[in-house]
Amino acid sequence: MKKQIQEADLALFREHVQDAEPVAHDRVEHERRKPPPIPRPRPVELPEGQGVPLLSESEVETHEFLLFARPGVQRRLMSELQRGGIEVGLELDLHGLRVEQARGLLAEFLAECARRRVRCALIVHGKGYRSAGQQPVLKQKVNYWLRLHEEVLAFCSATRRDGGTGAVYILLRNPSNPSKSSRTP
């Protein structure tokens, strides 16, 4: 429904625009070109044996408290990681996810940590109380998957305040030292 303009308002408008002249131009406005689409990044996969010795999942034991360090990681750094003394840069919560979903998210998360140059991250995998047989399926998988990724130098179960044995702190390669990131540990 159109709103009626009062005669006084119309007269006021005409008074203000009476000396206005239309702008003349001989250019035709072309349709603007759309920018090319930004390609979606391919899903990041966890490496299977790329620079890392092949490791069978059955070779990896999962205990209540997780602890892993590549050769050369200093004890002082490991004890600092275990007590939660390294600032967590990013967190990932895998609670309630299926294994396939969790694996994809973990791969993307580790890639994001590398892009943001994160030194320490936290992954919450849960304790498996709602899993079949109350076995911590995601905990076992995370324990295995993290060992396959060469950017992960070490990991251990988190302190109680960050999830205890239902979460892990991850120590990643030093982002401020790019020369070591291409070297195998």
C-alpha atoms as a PDB file:
ATOM      1  CA  MET A   1       0.000   0.000   0.000  1.00  0.00           C
ATOM      2  CA  LYS A   2       1.461   3.343  -1.079  1.00  0.00           C
ATOM      3  CA  LYS A   3       1.674   6.083   1.462  1.00  0.00           C
ATOM      4  CA  GLN A   4       0.063   9.341   0.333  1.00  0.00           C
ATOM      5  CA  ILE A   5       2.449  12.298   0.265  1.00  0.00           C
ATOM      6  CA  GLN A   6       0.893  15.453   1.582  1.00  0.00           C
ATOM      7  CA  GLU A   7       0.729  18.419  -0.799  1.00  0.00           C
ATOM      8  CA  ALA A   8       2.816  20.601   1.563  1.00  0.00           C
ATOM      9  CA  ASP A   9       5.653  18.017   1.644  1.00  0.00           C
ATOM     10  CA  LEU A  10       5.578  17.692  -2.143  1.00  0.00           C
ATOM     11  CA  ALA A  11       5.755  21.465  -2.579  1.00  0.00           C
ATOM     12  CA  LEU A  12       8.704  21.663  -0.153  1.00  0.00           C
ATOM     13  CA  PHE A  13      10.555  18.940  -2.083  1.00  0.00           C
ATOM     14  CA  ARG A  14       9.976  20.672  -5.462  1.00  0.00           C
ATOM     15  CA  GLU A  15      11.190  23.964  -4.012  1.00  0.00           C
ATOM     16  CA  HIS A  16      14.508  22.398  -2.906  1.00  0.00           C
ATOM     17  CA  VAL A  17      15.213  20.518  -6.132  1.00  0.00           C
ATOM     18  CA  GLN A  18      13.916  23.079  -8.677  1.00  0.00           C
ATOM     19  CA  ASP A  19      17.413  24.143  -9.817  1.00  0.00           C
ATOM     20  CA  ALA A  20      18.783  20.562  -9.975  1.00  0.00           C
ATOM     21  CA  GLU A  21      19.899  19.335 -13.393  1.00  0.00           C
ATOM     22  CA  PRO A  22      20.162  15.714 -14.427  1.00  0.00           C
ATOM     23  CA  VAL A  23      23.729  14.446 -14.793  1.00  0.00           C
ATOM     24  CA  ALA A  24      24.503  13.549 -18.365  1.00  0.00           C
ATOM     25  CA  HIS A  25      27.100  10.888 -19.096  1.00  0.00           C
ATOM     26  CA  ASP A  26      27.797   8.816 -22.146  1.00  0.00           C
ATOM     27  CA  ARG A  27      29.230   5.789 -20.397  1.00  0.00           C
ATOM     28  CA  VAL A  28      27.300   2.609 -20.034  1.00  0.00           C
ATOM     29  CA  GLU A  29      27.609   0.885 -16.690  1.00  0.00           C
ATOM     30  CA  HIS A  30      28.816  -2.613 -17.326  1.00  0.00           C
ATOM     31  CA  GLU A  31      27.894  -5.469 -15.137  1.00  0.00           C
ATOM     32  CA  ARG A  32      30.601  -5.944 -12.560  1.00  0.00           C
ATOM     33  CA  ARG A  33      32.604  -9.093 -12.899  1.00  0.00           C
ATOM     34  CA  LYS A  34      32.294 -11.458 -10.020  1.00  0.00           C
ATOM     35  CA  PRO A  35      35.562 -12.445  -8.413  1.00  0.00           C
ATOM     36  CA  PRO A  36      36.571 -16.041  -9.018  1.00  0.00           C
ATOM     37  CA  PRO A  37      35.402 -18.400  -6.298  1.00  0.00           C
ATOM     38  CA  ILE A  38      37.819 -19.196  -3.525  1.00  0.00           C
ATOM     39  CA  PRO A  39      38.602 -22.902  -3.708  1.00  0.00           C
ATOM     40  CA  ARG A  40      37.669 -24.931  -0.664  1.00  0.00           C
ATOM     41  CA  PRO A  41      40.718 -26.494   0.887  1.00  0.00           C
ATOM     42  CA  ARG A  42      40.984 -30.231   0.566  1.00  0.00           C
ATOM     43  CA  PRO A  43      40.342 -32.143   3.757  1.00  0.00           C
ATOM     44  CA  VAL A  44      43.587 -32.678   5.588  1.00  0.00           C
ATOM     45  CA  GLU A  45      44.490 -36.296   6.171  1.00  0.00           C
ATOM     46  CA  LEU A  46      46.690 -37.612   8.907  1.00  0.00           C
ATOM     47  CA  PRO A  47      49.886 -38.937   7.361  1.00  0.00           C
ATOM     48  CA  GLU A  48      50.171 -42.683   7.110  1.00  0.00           C
ATOM     49  CA  GLY A  49      53.862 -43.464   7.031  1.00  0.00           C
ATOM     50  CA  GLN A  50      55.106 -40.232   5.433  1.00  0.00           C
ATOM     51  CA  GLY A  51      58.465 -39.752   7.088  1.00  0.00           C
ATOM     52  CA  VAL A  52      57.175 -41.658  10.127  1.00  0.00           C
ATOM     53  CA  PRO A  53      57.838 -45.359  10.535  1.00  0.00           C
ATOM     54  CA  LEU A  54      54.673 -47.342   9.907  1.00  0.00           C
ATOM     55  CA  LEU A  55      52.975 -48.020  13.178  1.00  0.00           C
ATOM     56  CA  SER A  56      50.254 -50.559  13.648  1.00  0.00           C
ATOM     57  CA  GLU A  57      47.358 -49.548  15.847  1.00  0.00           C
ATOM     58  CA  SER A  58      47.663 -52.850  17.698  1.00  0.00           C
ATOM     59  CA  GLU A  59      51.219 -51.881  18.724  1.00  0.00           C
ATOM     60  CA  VAL A  60      49.983 -48.861  20.666  1.00  0.00           C
ATOM     61  CA  GLU A  61      48.845 -49.549  24.228  1.00  0.00           C
ATOM     62  CA  THR A  62      46.376 -47.157  25.787  1.00  0.00           C
ATOM     63  CA  HIS A  63      46.628 -46.823  29.538  1.00  0.00           C
ATOM     64  CA  GLU A  64      44.595 -44.665  31.906  1.00  0.00           C
ATOM     65  CA  PHE A  65      47.253 -41.919  31.760  1.00  0.00           C
ATOM     66  CA  LEU A  66      48.600 -41.174  28.262  1.00  0.00           C
ATOM     67  CA  LEU A  67      52.244 -40.261  27.865  1.00  0.00           C
ATOM     68  CA  PHE A  68      54.282 -40.075  24.661  1.00  0.00           C
ATOM     69  CA  ALA A  69      57.435 -38.218  23.644  1.00  0.00           C
ATOM     70  CA  ARG A  70      59.567 -38.454  20.538  1.00  0.00           C
ATOM     71  CA  PRO A  71      63.280 -39.022  21.045  1.00  0.00           C
ATOM     72  CA  GLY A  72      65.065 -35.770  21.869  1.00  0.00           C
ATOM     73  CA  VAL A  73      62.230 -34.080  23.763  1.00  0.00           C
ATOM     74  CA  GLN A  74      63.745 -32.728  26.976  1.00  0.00           C
ATOM     75  CA  ARG A  75      62.563 -34.085  30.330  1.00  0.00           C
ATOM     76  CA  ARG A  76      62.117 -30.550  31.647  1.00  0.00           C
ATOM     77  CA  LEU A  77      59.763 -29.754  28.762  1.00  0.00           C
ATOM     78  CA  MET A  78      57.824 -32.983  29.346  1.00  0.00           C
ATOM     79  CA  SER A  79      57.394 -32.288  33.049  1.00  0.00           C
ATOM     80  CA  GLU A  80      56.195 -28.767  32.234  1.00  0.00           C
ATOM     81  CA  LEU A  81      53.674 -30.234  29.760  1.00  0.00           C
ATOM     82  CA  GLN A  82      52.474 -32.795  32.327  1.00  0.00           C
ATOM     83  CA  ARG A  83      51.804 -30.168  34.981  1.00  0.00           C
ATOM     84  CA  GLY A  84      49.943 -27.945  32.491  1.00  0.00           C
ATOM     85  CA  GLY A  85      52.640 -25.295  32.597  1.00  0.00           C
ATOM     86  CA  ILE A  86      52.634 -24.530  28.857  1.00  0.00           C
ATOM     87  CA  GLU A  87      49.948 -22.136  27.668  1.00  0.00           C
ATOM     88  CA  VAL A  88      47.295 -23.871  25.554  1.00  0.00           C
ATOM     89  CA  GLY A  89      46.878 -22.084  22.228  1.00  0.00           C
ATOM     90  CA  LEU A  90      43.891 -24.006  20.800  1.00  0.00           C
ATOM     91  CA  GLU A  91      41.402 -26.567  22.068  1.00  0.00           C
ATOM     92  CA  LEU A  92      39.406 -29.297  20.331  1.00  0.00           C
ATOM     93  CA  ASP A  93      36.496 -31.200  21.886  1.00  0.00           C
ATOM     94  CA  LEU A  94      35.779 -34.595  20.311  1.00  0.00           C
ATOM     95  CA  HIS A  95      33.109 -35.649  22.836  1.00  0.00           C
ATOM     96  CA  GLY A  96      30.349 -37.748  21.313  1.00  0.00           C
ATOM     97  CA  LEU A  97      31.789 -37.874  17.792  1.00  0.00           C
ATOM     98  CA  ARG A  98      32.102 -40.968  15.650  1.00  0.00           C
ATOM     99  CA  VAL A  99      35.611 -42.177  14.848  1.00  0.00           C
ATOM    100  CA  GLU A 100      35.526 -40.976  11.199  1.00  0.00           C
ATOM    101  CA  GLN A 101      34.358 -37.504  12.230  1.00  0.00           C
ATOM    102  CA  ALA A 102      36.942 -37.296  14.998  1.00  0.00           C
ATOM    103  CA  ARG A 103      39.799 -38.293  12.687  1.00  0.00           C
ATOM    104  CA  GLY A 104      38.899 -35.613  10.137  1.00  0.00           C
ATOM    105  CA  LEU A 105      38.492 -32.925  12.799  1.00  0.00           C
ATOM    106  CA  LEU A 106      41.774 -33.884  14.431  1.00  0.00           C
ATOM    107  CA  ALA A 107      43.619 -33.590  11.108  1.00  0.00           C
ATOM    108  CA  GLU A 108      42.058 -30.173  10.434  1.00  0.00           C
ATOM    109  CA  PHE A 109      42.809 -29.089  13.993  1.00  0.00           C
ATOM    110  CA  LEU A 110      46.499 -29.997  13.722  1.00  0.00           C
ATOM    111  CA  ALA A 111      46.728 -28.152  10.399  1.00  0.00           C
ATOM    112  CA  GLU A 112      45.103 -25.096  12.013  1.00  0.00           C
ATOM    113  CA  CYS A 113      47.582 -25.301  14.905  1.00  0.00           C
ATOM    114  CA  ALA A 114      50.425 -25.234  12.366  1.00  0.00           C
ATOM    115  CA  ARG A 115      48.872 -22.255  10.525  1.00  0.00           C
ATOM    116  CA  ARG A 116      48.441 -20.323  13.780  1.00  0.00           C
ATOM    117  CA  ARG A 117      51.892 -21.372  15.011  1.00  0.00           C
ATOM    118  CA  VAL A 118      50.525 -22.947  18.193  1.00  0.00           C
ATOM    119  CA  ARG A 119      53.082 -24.582  20.501  1.00  0.00           C
ATOM    120  CA  CYS A 120      50.691 -26.408  22.848  1.00  0.00           C
ATOM    121  CA  ALA A 121      47.107 -27.549  22.272  1.00  0.00           C
ATOM    122  CA  LEU A 122      44.441 -29.423  24.219  1.00  0.00           C
ATOM    123  CA  ILE A 123      42.262 -32.197  22.838  1.00  0.00           C
ATOM    124  CA  VAL A 124      39.316 -33.441  24.884  1.00  0.00           C
ATOM    125  CA  HIS A 125      38.535 -37.031  23.875  1.00  0.00           C
ATOM    126  CA  GLY A 126      36.439 -38.100  26.855  1.00  0.00           C
ATOM    127  CA  LYS A 127      36.775 -41.092  29.115  1.00  0.00           C
ATOM    128  CA  GLY A 128      34.502 -43.435  27.170  1.00  0.00           C
ATOM    129  CA  TYR A 129      31.814 -43.892  29.812  1.00  0.00           C
ATOM    130  CA  ARG A 130      29.069 -43.800  27.172  1.00  0.00           C
ATOM    131  CA  SER A 131      30.904 -46.055  24.695  1.00  0.00           C
ATOM    132  CA  ALA A 132      29.957 -49.686  24.160  1.00  0.00           C
ATOM    133  CA  GLY A 133      31.540 -51.696  26.962  1.00  0.00           C
ATOM    134  CA  GLN A 134      32.651 -48.404  28.499  1.00  0.00           C
ATOM    135  CA  GLN A 135      35.898 -48.603  26.529  1.00  0.00           C
ATOM    136  CA  PRO A 136      37.442 -45.217  25.640  1.00  0.00           C
ATOM    137  CA  VAL A 137      37.352 -45.602  21.839  1.00  0.00           C
ATOM    138  CA  LEU A 138      38.318 -42.022  20.986  1.00  0.00           C
ATOM    139  CA  LYS A 139      41.051 -42.010  23.612  1.00  0.00           C
ATOM    140  CA  GLN A 140      42.605 -45.072  21.978  1.00  0.00           C
ATOM    141  CA  LYS A 141      42.302 -43.567  18.504  1.00  0.00           C
ATOM    142  CA  VAL A 142      43.731 -40.179  19.551  1.00  0.00           C
ATOM    143  CA  ASN A 143      46.630 -41.991  21.257  1.00  0.00           C
ATOM    144  CA  TYR A 144      47.364 -43.732  17.947  1.00  0.00           C
ATOM    145  CA  TRP A 145      46.669 -40.857  15.523  1.00  0.00           C
ATOM    146  CA  LEU A 146      48.853 -38.325  17.335  1.00  0.00           C
ATOM    147  CA  ARG A 147      51.850 -40.645  17.065  1.00  0.00           C
ATOM    148  CA  LEU A 148      51.431 -40.670  13.258  1.00  0.00           C
ATOM    149  CA  HIS A 149      51.662 -36.909  12.916  1.00  0.00           C
ATOM    150  CA  GLU A 150      55.298 -35.831  12.854  1.00  0.00           C
ATOM    151  CA  GLU A 151      54.516 -32.277  13.988  1.00  0.00           C
ATOM    152  CA  VAL A 152      53.422 -33.729  17.341  1.00  0.00           C
ATOM    153  CA  LEU A 153      56.532 -33.961  19.511  1.00  0.00           C
ATOM    154  CA  ALA A 154      54.825 -35.176  22.671  1.00  0.00           C
ATOM    155  CA  PHE A 155      51.496 -35.540  24.413  1.00  0.00           C
ATOM    156  CA  CYS A 156      50.231 -36.482  27.838  1.00  0.00           C
ATOM    157  CA  SER A 157      46.980 -36.642  29.774  1.00  0.00           C
ATOM    158  CA  ALA A 158      45.856 -33.239  30.973  1.00  0.00           C
ATOM    159  CA  THR A 159      45.713 -31.986  34.532  1.00  0.00           C
ATOM    160  CA  ARG A 160      42.454 -32.295  36.417  1.00  0.00           C
ATOM    161  CA  ARG A 161      41.421 -28.693  35.711  1.00  0.00           C
ATOM    162  CA  ASP A 162      41.595 -29.325  31.933  1.00  0.00           C
ATOM    163  CA  GLY A 163      39.857 -32.707  31.822  1.00  0.00           C
ATOM    164  CA  GLY A 164      42.260 -35.142  33.474  1.00  0.00           C
ATOM    165  CA  THR A 165      42.541 -38.488  31.709  1.00  0.00           C
ATOM    166  CA  GLY A 166      39.715 -37.445  29.381  1.00  0.00           C
ATOM    167  CA  ALA A 167      41.968 -34.946  27.591  1.00  0.00           C
ATOM    168  CA  VAL A 168      45.533 -34.595  26.330  1.00  0.00           C
ATOM    169  CA  TYR A 169      48.007 -31.755  26.082  1.00  0.00           C
ATOM    170  CA  ILE A 170      49.891 -31.824  22.790  1.00  0.00           C
ATOM    171  CA  LEU A 171      53.344 -30.335  22.336  1.00  0.00           C
ATOM    172  CA  LEU A 172      53.908 -29.311  18.718  1.00  0.00           C
ATOM    173  CA  ARG A 173      57.118 -28.456  16.920  1.00  0.00           C
ATOM    174  CA  ASN A 174      58.465 -25.057  17.879  1.00  0.00           C
ATOM    175  CA  PRO A 175      56.658 -22.634  15.533  1.00  0.00           C
ATOM    176  CA  SER A 176      59.385 -20.005  15.921  1.00  0.00           C
ATOM    177  CA  ASN A 177      62.027 -22.379  14.559  1.00  0.00           C
ATOM    178  CA  PRO A 178      60.967 -23.232  10.975  1.00  0.00           C
ATOM    179  CA  SER A 179      64.217 -25.054  10.167  1.00  0.00           C
ATOM    180  CA  LYS A 180      63.286 -27.927  12.459  1.00  0.00           C
ATOM    181  CA  SER A 181      59.722 -28.319  11.105  1.00  0.00           C
ATOM    182  CA  SER A 182      60.880 -30.064   7.941  1.00  0.00           C
ATOM    183  CA  ARG A 183      63.310 -32.327   9.794  1.00  0.00           C
ATOM    184  CA  THR A 184      62.244 -35.681  11.148  1.00  0.00           C
ATOM    185  CA  PRO A 185      62.515 -35.798  14.947  1.00  0.00           C
END
